[in-house]
Amino acid sequence: MAQTVTECLAAGSDSVTLINSINTDASAESAVAGKTQAEINEVVQRNVDHLSIILLYAPDAEDASDDTPNVAGAASSKKTTHVAAVTTGTDYIAAN
């Protein structure tokens, strides 16, 4: 059974939470405890990449049997927190 758009976005919710937590106060985030700033930036980048991939999910228009959920074509209101986290993460890396 294919995933739904909602299920795909739920799979990215941990990345949203982690990016926002690191942006708010990296020293309070256990996932990056003891890491250098460069290593923290790598963690943020991996999560930005993960969200970016999810946001691009779309079925192949030429393959009628492709059951990939159309996250890319979903209403922007469903993706607001994910898109914002990509921006937050990208900005965080640029500033650090």
PDB file of N, CA and C in Angstrom:
ATOM      1  N   MET A   1       0.839  -1.179   0.000  1.00  0.00           N
ATOM      2  CA  MET A   1       0.000   0.000   0.000  1.00  0.00           C
ATOM      3  C   MET A   1       0.885   1.244   0.000  1.00  0.00           C
ATOM      4  N   ALA A   2       0.577   2.180  -0.819  1.00  0.00           N
ATOM      5  CA  ALA A   2       1.361   3.412  -0.957  1.00  0.00           C
ATOM      6  C   ALA A   2       1.124   4.346   0.219  1.00  0.00           C
ATOM      7  N   GLN A   3       2.137   5.132   0.496  1.00  0.00           N
ATOM      8  CA  GLN A   3       2.000   6.136   1.547  1.00  0.00           C
ATOM      9  C   GLN A   3       1.142   7.290   1.041  1.00  0.00           C
ATOM     10  N   THR A   4       0.552   8.006   1.983  1.00  0.00           N
ATOM     11  CA  THR A   4      -0.200   9.206   1.647  1.00  0.00           C
ATOM     12  C   THR A   4       0.712  10.418   1.825  1.00  0.00           C
ATOM     13  N   VAL A   5       0.272  11.556   1.345  1.00  0.00           N
ATOM     14  CA  VAL A   5       1.014  12.802   1.534  1.00  0.00           C
ATOM     15  C   VAL A   5       1.200  13.057   3.025  1.00  0.00           C
ATOM     16  N   THR A   6       0.158  12.845   3.792  1.00  0.00           N
ATOM     17  CA  THR A   6       0.227  13.072   5.239  1.00  0.00           C
ATOM     18  C   THR A   6       1.272  12.180   5.892  1.00  0.00           C
ATOM     19  N   GLU A   7       1.324  10.928   5.489  1.00  0.00           N
ATOM     20  CA  GLU A   7       2.316  10.003   6.044  1.00  0.00           C
ATOM     21  C   GLU A   7       3.742  10.412   5.668  1.00  0.00           C
ATOM     22  N   CYS A   8       3.918  10.884   4.444  1.00  0.00           N
ATOM     23  CA  CYS A   8       5.248  11.342   4.015  1.00  0.00           C
ATOM     24  C   CYS A   8       5.687  12.549   4.829  1.00  0.00           C
ATOM     25  N   LEU A   9       4.781  13.480   5.022  1.00  0.00           N
ATOM     26  CA  LEU A   9       5.117  14.675   5.802  1.00  0.00           C
ATOM     27  C   LEU A   9       5.369  14.317   7.264  1.00  0.00           C
ATOM     28  N   ALA A  10       4.633  13.351   7.786  1.00  0.00           N
ATOM     29  CA  ALA A  10       4.863  12.904   9.160  1.00  0.00           C
ATOM     30  C   ALA A  10       6.258  12.311   9.310  1.00  0.00           C
ATOM     31  N   ALA A  11       6.747  11.657   8.257  1.00  0.00           N
ATOM     32  CA  ALA A  11       8.091  11.082   8.295  1.00  0.00           C
ATOM     33  C   ALA A  11       9.165  12.165   8.404  1.00  0.00           C
ATOM     34  N   GLY A  12       8.827  13.376   8.031  1.00  0.00           N
ATOM     35  CA  GLY A  12       9.781  14.479   8.125  1.00  0.00           C
ATOM     36  C   GLY A  12       9.627  15.322   9.369  1.00  0.00           C
ATOM     37  N   SER A  13       8.649  15.017  10.194  1.00  0.00           N
ATOM     38  CA  SER A  13       8.388  15.870  11.353  1.00  0.00           C
ATOM     39  C   SER A  13       9.536  15.875  12.365  1.00  0.00           C
ATOM     40  N   ASP A  14      10.260  14.760  12.492  1.00  0.00           N
ATOM     41  CA  ASP A  14      11.415  14.746  13.399  1.00  0.00           C
ATOM     42  C   ASP A  14      12.500  15.693  12.903  1.00  0.00           C
ATOM     43  N   SER A  15      12.669  15.781  11.595  1.00  0.00           N
ATOM     44  CA  SER A  15      13.651  16.711  11.034  1.00  0.00           C
ATOM     45  C   SER A  15      13.241  18.153  11.301  1.00  0.00           C
ATOM     46  N   VAL A  16      11.961  18.439  11.160  1.00  0.00           N
ATOM     47  CA  VAL A  16      11.456  19.790  11.453  1.00  0.00           C
ATOM     48  C   VAL A  16      11.762  20.143  12.903  1.00  0.00           C
ATOM     49  N   THR A  17      11.442  19.226  13.809  1.00  0.00           N
ATOM     50  CA  THR A  17      11.659  19.464  15.235  1.00  0.00           C
ATOM     51  C   THR A  17      13.137  19.667  15.551  1.00  0.00           C
ATOM     52  N   LEU A  18      13.993  18.831  14.987  1.00  0.00           N
ATOM     53  CA  LEU A  18      15.426  18.931  15.257  1.00  0.00           C
ATOM     54  C   LEU A  18      16.010  20.241  14.730  1.00  0.00           C
ATOM     55  N   ILE A  19      15.677  20.599  13.512  1.00  0.00           N
ATOM     56  CA  ILE A  19      16.185  21.863  12.948  1.00  0.00           C
ATOM     57  C   ILE A  19      15.757  23.035  13.808  1.00  0.00           C
ATOM     58  N   ASN A  20      14.487  23.078  14.180  1.00  0.00           N
ATOM     59  CA  ASN A  20      13.993  24.189  14.983  1.00  0.00           C
ATOM     60  C   ASN A  20      14.631  24.220  16.367  1.00  0.00           C
ATOM     61  N   SER A  21      14.855  23.060  16.953  1.00  0.00           N
ATOM     62  CA  SER A  21      15.493  22.974  18.269  1.00  0.00           C
ATOM     63  C   SER A  21      16.934  23.471  18.217  1.00  0.00           C
ATOM     64  N   ILE A  22      17.680  23.033  17.218  1.00  0.00           N
ATOM     65  CA  ILE A  22      19.070  23.481  17.076  1.00  0.00           C
ATOM     66  C   ILE A  22      19.112  24.977  16.834  1.00  0.00           C
ATOM     67  N   ASN A  23      18.207  25.481  16.021  1.00  0.00           N
ATOM     68  CA  ASN A  23      18.174  26.914  15.735  1.00  0.00           C
ATOM     69  C   ASN A  23      17.865  27.725  16.989  1.00  0.00           C
ATOM     70  N   THR A  24      16.996  27.207  17.835  1.00  0.00           N
ATOM     71  CA  THR A  24      16.613  27.915  19.058  1.00  0.00           C
ATOM     72  C   THR A  24      17.754  27.911  20.069  1.00  0.00           C
ATOM     73  N   ASP A  25      18.348  26.738  20.302  1.00  0.00           N
ATOM     74  CA  ASP A  25      19.450  26.629  21.270  1.00  0.00           C
ATOM     75  C   ASP A  25      20.162  25.300  21.069  1.00  0.00           C
ATOM     76  N   ALA A  26      21.175  25.306  20.237  1.00  0.00           N
ATOM     77  CA  ALA A  26      21.895  24.067  19.918  1.00  0.00           C
ATOM     78  C   ALA A  26      22.482  23.423  21.166  1.00  0.00           C
ATOM     79  N   SER A  27      22.879  24.225  22.138  1.00  0.00           N
ATOM     80  CA  SER A  27      23.499  23.663  23.346  1.00  0.00           C
ATOM     81  C   SER A  27      22.502  22.851  24.173  1.00  0.00           C
ATOM     82  N   ALA A  28      21.228  23.060  23.960  1.00  0.00           N
ATOM     83  CA  ALA A  28      20.204  22.323  24.705  1.00  0.00           C
ATOM     84  C   ALA A  28      19.732  21.075  23.954  1.00  0.00           C
ATOM     85  N   GLU A  29      20.218  20.864  22.743  1.00  0.00           N
ATOM     86  CA  GLU A  29      19.773  19.739  21.921  1.00  0.00           C
ATOM     87  C   GLU A  29      20.723  18.556  22.093  1.00  0.00           C
ATOM     88  N   SER A  30      20.217  17.474  22.666  1.00  0.00           N
ATOM     89  CA  SER A  30      21.060  16.309  22.954  1.00  0.00           C
ATOM     90  C   SER A  30      21.620  15.652  21.692  1.00  0.00           C
ATOM     91  N   ALA A  31      20.940  15.791  20.588  1.00  0.00           N
ATOM     92  CA  ALA A  31      21.402  15.171  19.340  1.00  0.00           C
ATOM     93  C   ALA A  31      22.726  15.739  18.844  1.00  0.00           C
ATOM     94  N   VAL A  32      23.095  16.911  19.334  1.00  0.00           N
ATOM     95  CA  VAL A  32      24.349  17.521  18.881  1.00  0.00           C
ATOM     96  C   VAL A  32      25.302  17.809  20.040  1.00  0.00           C
ATOM     97  N   ALA A  33      25.026  17.221  21.194  1.00  0.00           N
ATOM     98  CA  ALA A  33      25.885  17.433  22.368  1.00  0.00           C
ATOM     99  C   ALA A  33      27.308  16.987  22.060  1.00  0.00           C
ATOM    100  N   GLY A  34      28.261  17.832  22.372  1.00  0.00           N
ATOM    101  CA  GLY A  34      29.669  17.503  22.190  1.00  0.00           C
ATOM    102  C   GLY A  34      30.175  17.638  20.761  1.00  0.00           C
ATOM    103  N   LYS A  35      29.328  18.069  19.855  1.00  0.00           N
ATOM    104  CA  LYS A  35      29.737  18.218  18.457  1.00  0.00           C
ATOM    105  C   LYS A  35      30.297  19.615  18.202  1.00  0.00           C
ATOM    106  N   THR A  36      31.201  19.696  17.249  1.00  0.00           N
ATOM    107  CA  THR A  36      31.716  20.999  16.829  1.00  0.00           C
ATOM    108  C   THR A  36      30.640  21.709  16.016  1.00  0.00           C
ATOM    109  N   GLN A  37      30.834  22.996  15.774  1.00  0.00           N
ATOM    110  CA  GLN A  37      29.863  23.736  14.973  1.00  0.00           C
ATOM    111  C   GLN A  37      29.768  23.146  13.568  1.00  0.00           C
ATOM    112  N   ALA A  38      30.903  22.732  13.009  1.00  0.00           N
ATOM    113  CA  ALA A  38      30.881  22.118  11.674  1.00  0.00           C
ATOM    114  C   ALA A  38      30.050  20.839  11.683  1.00  0.00           C
ATOM    115  N   GLU A  39      30.174  20.049  12.737  1.00  0.00           N
ATOM    116  CA  GLU A  39      29.389  18.807  12.841  1.00  0.00           C
ATOM    117  C   GLU A  39      27.907  19.111  13.038  1.00  0.00           C
ATOM    118  N   ILE A  40      27.611  20.139  13.810  1.00  0.00           N
ATOM    119  CA  ILE A  40      26.207  20.544  13.994  1.00  0.00           C
ATOM    120  C   ILE A  40      25.623  20.975  12.650  1.00  0.00           C
ATOM    121  N   ASN A  41      26.403  21.743  11.896  1.00  0.00           N
ATOM    122  CA  ASN A  41      25.937  22.170  10.577  1.00  0.00           C
ATOM    123  C   ASN A  41      25.672  20.971   9.668  1.00  0.00           C
ATOM    124  N   GLU A  42      26.499  19.926   9.774  1.00  0.00           N
ATOM    125  CA  GLU A  42      26.280  18.711   8.983  1.00  0.00           C
ATOM    126  C   GLU A  42      24.967  18.037   9.374  1.00  0.00           C
ATOM    127  N   VAL A  43      24.670  17.999  10.662  1.00  0.00           N
ATOM    128  CA  VAL A  43      23.402  17.425  11.131  1.00  0.00           C
ATOM    129  C   VAL A  43      22.232  18.221  10.560  1.00  0.00           C
ATOM    130  N   VAL A  44      22.333  19.529  10.653  1.00  0.00           N
ATOM    131  CA  VAL A  44      21.271  20.378  10.121  1.00  0.00           C
ATOM    132  C   VAL A  44      21.128  20.153   8.617  1.00  0.00           C
ATOM    133  N   GLN A  45      22.243  20.102   7.895  1.00  0.00           N
ATOM    134  CA  GLN A  45      22.189  19.917   6.439  1.00  0.00           C
ATOM    135  C   GLN A  45      21.543  18.589   6.066  1.00  0.00           C
ATOM    136  N   ARG A  46      21.868  17.521   6.775  1.00  0.00           N
ATOM    137  CA  ARG A  46      21.248  16.218   6.498  1.00  0.00           C
ATOM    138  C   ARG A  46      19.735  16.283   6.662  1.00  0.00           C
ATOM    139  N   ASN A  47      19.289  16.999   7.672  1.00  0.00           N
ATOM    140  CA  ASN A  47      17.858  17.112   7.909  1.00  0.00           C
ATOM    141  C   ASN A  47      17.185  18.030   6.899  1.00  0.00           C
ATOM    142  N   VAL A  48      17.864  19.085   6.490  1.00  0.00           N
ATOM    143  CA  VAL A  48      17.354  19.948   5.414  1.00  0.00           C
ATOM    144  C   VAL A  48      17.231  19.126   4.130  1.00  0.00           C
ATOM    145  N   ASP A  49      18.255  18.326   3.828  1.00  0.00           N
ATOM    146  CA  ASP A  49      18.222  17.480   2.633  1.00  0.00           C
ATOM    147  C   ASP A  49      17.062  16.486   2.691  1.00  0.00           C
ATOM    148  N   HIS A  50      16.855  15.884   3.853  1.00  0.00           N
ATOM    149  CA  HIS A  50      15.760  14.925   4.035  1.00  0.00           C
ATOM    150  C   HIS A  50      14.414  15.587   3.745  1.00  0.00           C
ATOM    151  N   LEU A  51      14.200  16.762   4.315  1.00  0.00           N
ATOM    152  CA  LEU A  51      12.940  17.462   4.084  1.00  0.00           C
ATOM    153  C   LEU A  51      12.795  17.875   2.623  1.00  0.00           C
ATOM    154  N   SER A  52      13.881  18.326   2.028  1.00  0.00           N
ATOM    155  CA  SER A  52      13.835  18.746   0.621  1.00  0.00           C
ATOM    156  C   SER A  52      13.435  17.592  -0.283  1.00  0.00           C
ATOM    157  N   ILE A  53      13.941  16.412  -0.004  1.00  0.00           N
ATOM    158  CA  ILE A  53      13.585  15.234  -0.793  1.00  0.00           C
ATOM    159  C   ILE A  53      12.101  14.916  -0.630  1.00  0.00           C
ATOM    160  N   ILE A  54      11.628  14.935   0.601  1.00  0.00           N
ATOM    161  CA  ILE A  54      10.208  14.648   0.856  1.00  0.00           C
ATOM    162  C   ILE A  54       9.319  15.649   0.124  1.00  0.00           C
ATOM    163  N   LEU A  55       9.692  16.920   0.172  1.00  0.00           N
ATOM    164  CA  LEU A  55       8.868  17.959  -0.454  1.00  0.00           C
ATOM    165  C   LEU A  55       8.819  17.833  -1.979  1.00  0.00           C
ATOM    166  N   LEU A  56       9.753  17.111  -2.556  1.00  0.00           N
ATOM    167  CA  LEU A  56       9.784  16.925  -4.013  1.00  0.00           C
ATOM    168  C   LEU A  56       9.080  15.649  -4.480  1.00  0.00           C
ATOM    169  N   TYR A  57       8.620  14.810  -3.548  1.00  0.00           N
ATOM    170  CA  TYR A  57       7.937  13.573  -3.947  1.00  0.00           C
ATOM    171  C   TYR A  57       6.788  13.896  -4.904  1.00  0.00           C
ATOM    172  N   ALA A  58       6.751  13.171  -6.012  1.00  0.00           N
ATOM    173  CA  ALA A  58       5.650  13.316  -6.969  1.00  0.00           C
ATOM    174  C   ALA A  58       5.648  12.076  -7.861  1.00  0.00           C
ATOM    175  N   PRO A  59       4.477  11.648  -8.251  1.00  0.00           N
ATOM    176  CA  PRO A  59       4.414  10.500  -9.142  1.00  0.00           C
ATOM    177  C   PRO A  59       4.932  10.861 -10.536  1.00  0.00           C
ATOM    178  N   ASP A  60       5.441   9.867 -11.227  1.00  0.00           N
ATOM    179  CA  ASP A  60       5.895  10.050 -12.604  1.00  0.00           C
ATOM    180  C   ASP A  60       4.659  10.211 -13.484  1.00  0.00           C
ATOM    181  N   ALA A  61       4.542  11.347 -14.132  1.00  0.00           N
ATOM    182  CA  ALA A  61       3.366  11.647 -14.950  1.00  0.00           C
ATOM    183  C   ALA A  61       3.199  10.662 -16.106  1.00  0.00           C
ATOM    184  N   GLU A  62       4.290  10.032 -16.523  1.00  0.00           N
ATOM    185  CA  GLU A  62       4.223   9.108 -17.650  1.00  0.00           C
ATOM    186  C   GLU A  62       3.994   7.656 -17.223  1.00  0.00           C
ATOM    187  N   ASP A  63       3.910   7.417 -15.923  1.00  0.00           N
ATOM    188  CA  ASP A  63       3.735   6.054 -15.423  1.00  0.00           C
ATOM    189  C   ASP A  63       2.449   5.986 -14.612  1.00  0.00           C
ATOM    190  N   ALA A  64       1.411   5.505 -15.234  1.00  0.00           N
ATOM    191  CA  ALA A  64       0.092   5.447 -14.594  1.00  0.00           C
ATOM    192  C   ALA A  64       0.077   4.574 -13.350  1.00  0.00           C
ATOM    193  N   SER A  65       1.020   3.643 -13.233  1.00  0.00           N
ATOM    194  CA  SER A  65       1.039   2.750 -12.081  1.00  0.00           C
ATOM    195  C   SER A  65       1.882   3.308 -10.922  1.00  0.00           C
ATOM    196  N   ASP A  66       2.496   4.466 -11.107  1.00  0.00           N
ATOM    197  CA  ASP A  66       3.333   5.067 -10.058  1.00  0.00           C
ATOM    198  C   ASP A  66       2.433   5.587  -8.946  1.00  0.00           C
ATOM    199  N   ASP A  67       2.546   4.983  -7.771  1.00  0.00           N
ATOM    200  CA  ASP A  67       1.686   5.383  -6.656  1.00  0.00           C
ATOM    201  C   ASP A  67       2.416   6.282  -5.648  1.00  0.00           C
ATOM    202  N   THR A  68       3.476   6.934  -6.098  1.00  0.00           N
ATOM    203  CA  THR A  68       4.184   7.885  -5.242  1.00  0.00           C
ATOM    204  C   THR A  68       3.227   9.005  -4.863  1.00  0.00           C
ATOM    205  N   PRO A  69       3.142   9.351  -3.584  1.00  0.00           N
ATOM    206  CA  PRO A  69       2.247  10.435  -3.187  1.00  0.00           C
ATOM    207  C   PRO A  69       2.733  11.767  -3.761  1.00  0.00           C
ATOM    208  N   ASN A  70       1.809  12.620  -4.114  1.00  0.00           N
ATOM    209  CA  ASN A  70       2.147  13.893  -4.731  1.00  0.00           C
ATOM    210  C   ASN A  70       2.332  14.981  -3.671  1.00  0.00           C
ATOM    211  N   VAL A  71       3.424  14.878  -2.931  1.00  0.00           N
ATOM    212  CA  VAL A  71       3.724  15.885  -1.912  1.00  0.00           C
ATOM    213  C   VAL A  71       4.016  17.222  -2.593  1.00  0.00           C
ATOM    214  N   ALA A  72       4.751  17.192  -3.685  1.00  0.00           N
ATOM    215  CA  ALA A  72       5.102  18.429  -4.394  1.00  0.00           C
ATOM    216  C   ALA A  72       3.855  19.192  -4.831  1.00  0.00           C
ATOM    217  N   GLY A  73       2.816  18.483  -5.204  1.00  0.00           N
ATOM    218  CA  GLY A  73       1.599  19.133  -5.665  1.00  0.00           C
ATOM    219  C   GLY A  73       0.559  19.357  -4.584  1.00  0.00           C
ATOM    220  N   ALA A  74       0.868  18.966  -3.364  1.00  0.00           N
ATOM    221  CA  ALA A  74      -0.085  19.126  -2.264  1.00  0.00           C
ATOM    222  C   ALA A  74      -0.244  20.600  -1.905  1.00  0.00           C
ATOM    223  N   ALA A  75      -1.334  20.903  -1.272  1.00  0.00           N
ATOM    224  CA  ALA A  75      -1.595  22.278  -0.832  1.00  0.00           C
ATOM    225  C   ALA A  75      -0.454  22.779   0.039  1.00  0.00           C
ATOM    226  N   SER A  76      -0.041  23.997  -0.196  1.00  0.00           N
ATOM    227  CA  SER A  76       1.092  24.550   0.559  1.00  0.00           C
ATOM    228  C   SER A  76       0.806  24.600   2.055  1.00  0.00           C
ATOM    229  N   SER A  77      -0.449  24.703   2.440  1.00  0.00           N
ATOM    230  CA  SER A  77      -0.788  24.750   3.860  1.00  0.00           C
ATOM    231  C   SER A  77      -0.403  23.462   4.579  1.00  0.00           C
ATOM    232  N   LYS A  78      -0.366  22.347   3.860  1.00  0.00           N
ATOM    233  CA  LYS A  78       0.034  21.069   4.461  1.00  0.00           C
ATOM    234  C   LYS A  78       1.538  21.017   4.707  1.00  0.00           C
ATOM    235  N   LYS A  79       2.295  21.827   3.958  1.00  0.00           N
ATOM    236  CA  LYS A  79       3.752  21.735   3.966  1.00  0.00           C
ATOM    237  C   LYS A  79       4.421  22.919   4.668  1.00  0.00           C
ATOM    238  N   THR A  80       3.661  23.805   5.241  1.00  0.00           N
ATOM    239  CA  THR A  80       4.189  25.053   5.792  1.00  0.00           C
ATOM    240  C   THR A  80       5.340  24.838   6.769  1.00  0.00           C
ATOM    241  N   THR A  81       5.176  23.957   7.738  1.00  0.00           N
ATOM    242  CA  THR A  81       6.224  23.770   8.746  1.00  0.00           C
ATOM    243  C   THR A  81       7.470  23.143   8.139  1.00  0.00           C
ATOM    244  N   HIS A  82       7.295  22.294   7.152  1.00  0.00           N
ATOM    245  CA  HIS A  82       8.436  21.640   6.506  1.00  0.00           C
ATOM    246  C   HIS A  82       9.234  22.634   5.666  1.00  0.00           C
ATOM    247  N   VAL A  83       8.529  23.449   4.900  1.00  0.00           N
ATOM    248  CA  VAL A  83       9.192  24.469   4.080  1.00  0.00           C
ATOM    249  C   VAL A  83       9.904  25.474   4.983  1.00  0.00           C
ATOM    250  N   ALA A  84       9.247  25.869   6.064  1.00  0.00           N
ATOM    251  CA  ALA A  84       9.857  26.823   7.002  1.00  0.00           C
ATOM    252  C   ALA A  84      11.110  26.234   7.639  1.00  0.00           C
ATOM    253  N   ALA A  85      11.093  24.946   7.956  1.00  0.00           N
ATOM    254  CA  ALA A  85      12.264  24.304   8.570  1.00  0.00           C
ATOM    255  C   ALA A  85      13.433  24.245   7.591  1.00  0.00           C
ATOM    256  N   VAL A  86      13.162  24.041   6.318  1.00  0.00           N
ATOM    257  CA  VAL A  86      14.234  24.065   5.312  1.00  0.00           C
ATOM    258  C   VAL A  86      14.878  25.442   5.291  1.00  0.00           C
ATOM    259  N   THR A  87      14.063  26.476   5.301  1.00  0.00           N
ATOM    260  CA  THR A  87      14.574  27.853   5.303  1.00  0.00           C
ATOM    261  C   THR A  87      15.351  28.120   6.592  1.00  0.00           C
ATOM    262  N   THR A  88      14.791  27.720   7.722  1.00  0.00           N
ATOM    263  CA  THR A  88      15.459  27.916   9.013  1.00  0.00           C
ATOM    264  C   THR A  88      16.804  27.210   9.031  1.00  0.00           C
ATOM    265  N   GLY A  89      16.852  25.967   8.580  1.00  0.00           N
ATOM    266  CA  GLY A  89      18.072  25.205   8.568  1.00  0.00           C
ATOM    267  C   GLY A  89      19.129  25.805   7.654  1.00  0.00           C
ATOM    268  N   THR A  90      18.715  26.215   6.486  1.00  0.00           N
ATOM    269  CA  THR A  90      19.624  26.838   5.528  1.00  0.00           C
ATOM    270  C   THR A  90      20.187  28.143   6.094  1.00  0.00           C
ATOM    271  N   ASP A  91      19.323  28.928   6.705  1.00  0.00           N
ATOM    272  CA  ASP A  91      19.758  30.190   7.320  1.00  0.00           C
ATOM    273  C   ASP A  91      20.704  29.928   8.501  1.00  0.00           C
ATOM    274  N   TYR A  92      20.412  28.910   9.274  1.00  0.00           N
ATOM    275  CA  TYR A  92      21.246  28.554  10.425  1.00  0.00           C
ATOM    276  C   TYR A  92      22.668  28.221   9.954  1.00  0.00           C
ATOM    277  N   ILE A  93      22.756  27.388   8.933  1.00  0.00           N
ATOM    278  CA  ILE A  93      24.071  26.996   8.418  1.00  0.00           C
ATOM    279  C   ILE A  93      24.827  28.213   7.893  1.00  0.00           C
ATOM    280  N   ALA A  94      24.141  29.079   7.181  1.00  0.00           N
ATOM    281  CA  ALA A  94      24.787  30.281   6.640  1.00  0.00           C
ATOM    282  C   ALA A  94      25.316  31.187   7.742  1.00  0.00           C
ATOM    283  N   ALA A  95      24.603  31.221   8.863  1.00  0.00           N
ATOM    284  CA  ALA A  95      25.004  32.099   9.976  1.00  0.00           C
ATOM    285  C   ALA A  95      26.055  31.477  10.878  1.00  0.00           C
ATOM    286  N   ASN A  96      26.242  30.171  10.758  1.00  0.00           N
ATOM    287  CA  ASN A  96      27.166  29.478  11.649  1.00  0.00           C
ATOM    288  C   ASN A  96      28.227  28.732  10.871  1.00  0.00           C
TER     289      ASN A  96
END
